[in-house]
Amino acid sequence: AGECVRWEQWTREDFMCMAGVLFLPSVWLRNLSWLSYFSAVGVLSSTLLLVGVVTTGFFPDSMPPSHHFCHGNCTGTQPTSPG
C-alpha cells in the first residue's frame, strides 16, 4: 500500500528539490524583517530538539521504543547471530 520512501533512497537531486521547496517562499517576502520570525522558529525548534536528545540520553528508560516505527526487535540492541 502506501509505503514511505526512506532517506537512504533519496538522490542528490531529491534533496536539492526539497531544499528549493522549503526556501523558495522566503524570496517572495516583500518585507525581509519577516525572516527574523523564521529564524526564531528555527532557534526554538533546535532548542526543543536538543532538549529531547539530552532528555533521552540522561533518562533512556523514560521513552520506550515506539512499536509503530519499530518492526521486530524494539529493544534498541542489535540482534546477535547464534554461534
N, C-alpha and C. Protein backbone atom coordinates (compact mmCIF):
# COMPACT_ATOMS: atom_id res chain seq x y z
N ALA A 1 0.85 -1.17 0.00
CA ALA A 1 0.00 0.00 0.00
C ALA A 1 0.90 1.24 0.00
N GLY A 2 0.61 2.21 0.86
CA GLY A 2 1.37 3.45 0.90
C GLY A 2 2.62 3.32 1.74
N GLU A 3 3.74 3.04 1.10
CA GLU A 3 4.99 2.86 1.82
C GLU A 3 5.85 4.11 1.65
N CYS A 4 6.44 4.57 2.74
CA CYS A 4 7.26 5.78 2.71
C CYS A 4 8.60 5.49 2.05
N VAL A 5 9.13 6.51 1.38
CA VAL A 5 10.46 6.40 0.79
C VAL A 5 11.46 6.73 1.89
N ARG A 6 12.47 5.87 2.05
CA ARG A 6 13.46 6.08 3.10
C ARG A 6 14.48 7.12 2.65
N TRP A 7 15.07 7.80 3.63
CA TRP A 7 16.08 8.82 3.33
C TRP A 7 17.25 8.24 2.54
N GLU A 8 17.58 6.99 2.80
CA GLU A 8 18.71 6.38 2.12
C GLU A 8 18.47 6.26 0.62
N GLN A 9 17.22 6.26 0.21
CA GLN A 9 16.89 6.09 -1.20
C GLN A 9 16.85 7.42 -1.95
N TRP A 10 16.97 8.54 -1.22
CA TRP A 10 16.91 9.84 -1.87
C TRP A 10 18.21 10.11 -2.63
N THR A 11 18.07 10.74 -3.78
CA THR A 11 19.25 11.13 -4.54
C THR A 11 19.59 12.58 -4.23
N ARG A 12 20.72 13.02 -4.72
CA ARG A 12 21.13 14.41 -4.50
C ARG A 12 20.09 15.37 -5.09
N GLU A 13 19.55 15.03 -6.24
CA GLU A 13 18.55 15.89 -6.87
C GLU A 13 17.28 15.99 -6.03
N ASP A 14 16.90 14.88 -5.36
CA ASP A 14 15.73 14.91 -4.49
C ASP A 14 15.93 15.89 -3.34
N PHE A 15 17.12 15.86 -2.73
CA PHE A 15 17.41 16.78 -1.64
C PHE A 15 17.45 18.23 -2.12
N MET A 16 17.97 18.45 -3.31
CA MET A 16 18.03 19.81 -3.85
C MET A 16 16.63 20.34 -4.12
N CYS A 17 15.75 19.51 -4.64
CA CYS A 17 14.37 19.92 -4.88
C CYS A 17 13.65 20.22 -3.56
N MET A 18 13.89 19.39 -2.55
CA MET A 18 13.26 19.63 -1.25
C MET A 18 13.76 20.95 -0.65
N ALA A 19 15.05 21.23 -0.77
CA ALA A 19 15.59 22.48 -0.25
C ALA A 19 14.98 23.67 -0.99
N GLY A 20 14.83 23.54 -2.29
CA GLY A 20 14.20 24.62 -3.06
C GLY A 20 12.77 24.86 -2.64
N VAL A 21 12.02 23.81 -2.43
CA VAL A 21 10.63 23.94 -1.99
C VAL A 21 10.55 24.59 -0.61
N LEU A 22 11.50 24.26 0.27
CA LEU A 22 11.49 24.82 1.62
C LEU A 22 11.91 26.30 1.65
N PHE A 23 12.89 26.69 0.83
CA PHE A 23 13.43 28.04 0.91
C PHE A 23 12.83 29.01 -0.10
N LEU A 24 12.15 28.52 -1.10
CA LEU A 24 11.58 29.41 -2.12
C LEU A 24 10.61 30.44 -1.55
N PRO A 25 9.72 30.09 -0.63
CA PRO A 25 8.81 31.12 -0.11
C PRO A 25 9.50 32.30 0.56
N SER A 26 10.72 32.13 1.04
CA SER A 26 11.41 33.25 1.69
C SER A 26 11.77 34.35 0.70
N VAL A 27 11.93 34.04 -0.58
CA VAL A 27 12.25 35.08 -1.55
C VAL A 27 11.01 35.83 -2.01
N TRP A 28 9.84 35.36 -1.65
CA TRP A 28 8.61 36.05 -2.01
C TRP A 28 8.22 37.13 -1.00
N LEU A 29 8.94 37.22 0.10
CA LEU A 29 8.59 38.19 1.13
C LEU A 29 8.90 39.60 0.66
N ARG A 30 7.97 40.51 0.85
CA ARG A 30 8.21 41.91 0.50
C ARG A 30 8.97 42.62 1.60
N ASN A 31 8.68 42.24 2.84
CA ASN A 31 9.34 42.84 3.99
C ASN A 31 10.28 41.79 4.58
N LEU A 32 11.59 41.99 4.41
CA LEU A 32 12.54 40.96 4.82
C LEU A 32 12.68 40.85 6.33
N SER A 33 12.06 41.73 7.09
CA SER A 33 12.11 41.60 8.54
C SER A 33 11.32 40.37 9.00
N TRP A 34 10.47 39.83 8.13
CA TRP A 34 9.75 38.60 8.47
C TRP A 34 10.70 37.41 8.59
N LEU A 35 11.88 37.52 7.97
CA LEU A 35 12.84 36.42 8.07
C LEU A 35 13.30 36.22 9.51
N SER A 36 13.23 37.27 10.33
CA SER A 36 13.62 37.12 11.73
C SER A 36 12.67 36.17 12.45
N TYR A 37 11.41 36.14 12.05
CA TYR A 37 10.46 35.20 12.66
C TYR A 37 10.81 33.76 12.27
N PHE A 38 11.20 33.56 11.01
CA PHE A 38 11.64 32.23 10.59
C PHE A 38 12.87 31.80 11.37
N SER A 39 13.77 32.74 11.61
CA SER A 39 14.96 32.44 12.39
C SER A 39 14.60 32.07 13.82
N ALA A 40 13.65 32.79 14.41
CA ALA A 40 13.23 32.48 15.78
C ALA A 40 12.60 31.10 15.86
N VAL A 41 11.83 30.73 14.86
CA VAL A 41 11.23 29.39 14.84
C VAL A 41 12.33 28.34 14.71
N GLY A 42 13.36 28.62 13.93
CA GLY A 42 14.47 27.69 13.80
C GLY A 42 15.23 27.51 15.10
N VAL A 43 15.45 28.62 15.82
CA VAL A 43 16.14 28.53 17.11
C VAL A 43 15.28 27.74 18.11
N LEU A 44 13.98 28.00 18.11
CA LEU A 44 13.08 27.29 19.02
C LEU A 44 13.07 25.80 18.71
N SER A 45 12.97 25.44 17.45
CA SER A 45 12.93 24.01 17.10
C SER A 45 14.26 23.33 17.40
N SER A 46 15.38 24.02 17.19
CA SER A 46 16.67 23.44 17.53
C SER A 46 16.80 23.23 19.03
N THR A 47 16.30 24.18 19.82
CA THR A 47 16.34 24.05 21.27
C THR A 47 15.49 22.87 21.73
N LEU A 48 14.30 22.73 21.18
CA LEU A 48 13.44 21.61 21.55
C LEU A 48 14.06 20.27 21.15
N LEU A 49 14.70 20.22 20.01
CA LEU A 49 15.38 19.00 19.59
C LEU A 49 16.52 18.67 20.54
N LEU A 50 17.30 19.68 20.93
CA LEU A 50 18.40 19.45 21.87
C LEU A 50 17.88 18.95 23.22
N VAL A 51 16.79 19.54 23.71
CA VAL A 51 16.20 19.10 24.97
C VAL A 51 15.74 17.65 24.87
N GLY A 52 15.15 17.29 23.76
CA GLY A 52 14.70 15.91 23.57
C GLY A 52 15.84 14.92 23.53
N VAL A 53 16.93 15.27 22.85
CA VAL A 53 18.08 14.38 22.76
C VAL A 53 18.75 14.24 24.12
N VAL A 54 18.92 15.36 24.83
CA VAL A 54 19.56 15.31 26.14
C VAL A 54 18.69 14.53 27.13
N THR A 55 17.38 14.76 27.10
CA THR A 55 16.47 14.04 28.00
C THR A 55 16.53 12.54 27.74
N THR A 56 16.53 12.16 26.48
CA THR A 56 16.60 10.74 26.15
C THR A 56 17.96 10.16 26.55
N GLY A 57 19.02 10.96 26.45
CA GLY A 57 20.34 10.50 26.84
C GLY A 57 20.47 10.28 28.34
N PHE A 58 19.91 11.19 29.13
CA PHE A 58 20.02 11.07 30.59
C PHE A 58 19.01 10.11 31.18
N PHE A 59 17.85 9.99 30.55
CA PHE A 59 16.79 9.11 31.05
C PHE A 59 16.34 8.17 29.94
N PRO A 60 17.15 7.19 29.57
CA PRO A 60 16.82 6.34 28.41
C PRO A 60 15.57 5.50 28.61
N ASP A 61 15.22 5.20 29.87
CA ASP A 61 14.04 4.37 30.09
C ASP A 61 12.76 5.19 30.13
N SER A 62 12.87 6.52 30.06
CA SER A 62 11.67 7.37 30.14
C SER A 62 10.85 7.32 28.85
N MET A 63 11.47 6.96 27.73
CA MET A 63 10.77 6.91 26.44
C MET A 63 10.93 5.51 25.86
N PRO A 64 9.93 4.65 26.02
CA PRO A 64 10.05 3.30 25.44
C PRO A 64 10.01 3.38 23.91
N PRO A 65 10.59 2.41 23.24
CA PRO A 65 10.57 2.43 21.77
C PRO A 65 9.14 2.32 21.25
N SER A 66 8.90 3.03 20.17
CA SER A 66 7.58 3.02 19.56
C SER A 66 7.44 1.79 18.66
N HIS A 67 6.47 0.96 18.94
CA HIS A 67 6.25 -0.23 18.12
C HIS A 67 5.62 0.12 16.78
N HIS A 68 5.16 1.38 16.64
CA HIS A 68 4.61 1.81 15.37
C HIS A 68 5.72 1.93 14.32
N PHE A 69 6.90 2.39 14.75
CA PHE A 69 8.01 2.60 13.82
C PHE A 69 9.03 1.47 13.87
N CYS A 70 8.94 0.63 14.89
CA CYS A 70 9.93 -0.42 15.09
C CYS A 70 9.32 -1.77 14.74
N HIS A 71 9.95 -2.45 13.81
CA HIS A 71 9.45 -3.75 13.40
C HIS A 71 10.38 -4.82 13.95
N GLY A 72 9.86 -5.75 14.70
CA GLY A 72 10.67 -6.84 15.23
C GLY A 72 11.29 -6.48 16.56
N ASN A 73 12.62 -6.40 16.59
CA ASN A 73 13.36 -6.16 17.83
C ASN A 73 13.33 -4.67 18.18
N CYS A 74 12.58 -4.32 19.23
CA CYS A 74 12.45 -2.92 19.62
C CYS A 74 13.19 -2.62 20.93
N THR A 75 14.23 -3.36 21.22
CA THR A 75 14.95 -3.13 22.47
C THR A 75 16.06 -2.10 22.32
N GLY A 76 16.37 -1.70 21.11
CA GLY A 76 17.46 -0.76 20.88
C GLY A 76 18.80 -1.43 20.74
N THR A 77 18.84 -2.77 20.77
CA THR A 77 20.09 -3.51 20.59
C THR A 77 20.03 -4.27 19.28
N GLN A 78 21.18 -4.55 18.76
CA GLN A 78 21.24 -5.31 17.51
C GLN A 78 21.13 -6.80 17.83
N PRO A 79 20.36 -7.52 17.06
CA PRO A 79 20.27 -8.97 17.29
C PRO A 79 21.61 -9.63 17.00
N THR A 80 21.97 -10.59 17.82
CA THR A 80 23.24 -11.31 17.62
C THR A 80 22.96 -12.63 16.93
N SER A 81 23.90 -13.03 16.12
CA SER A 81 23.73 -14.31 15.43
C SER A 81 24.19 -15.45 16.34
N PRO A 82 23.51 -16.56 16.30
CA PRO A 82 23.91 -17.68 17.16
C PRO A 82 25.24 -18.25 16.72
N GLY A 83 26.08 -18.60 17.73
CA GLY A 83 27.33 -19.27 17.44
C GLY A 83 28.42 -18.32 17.34
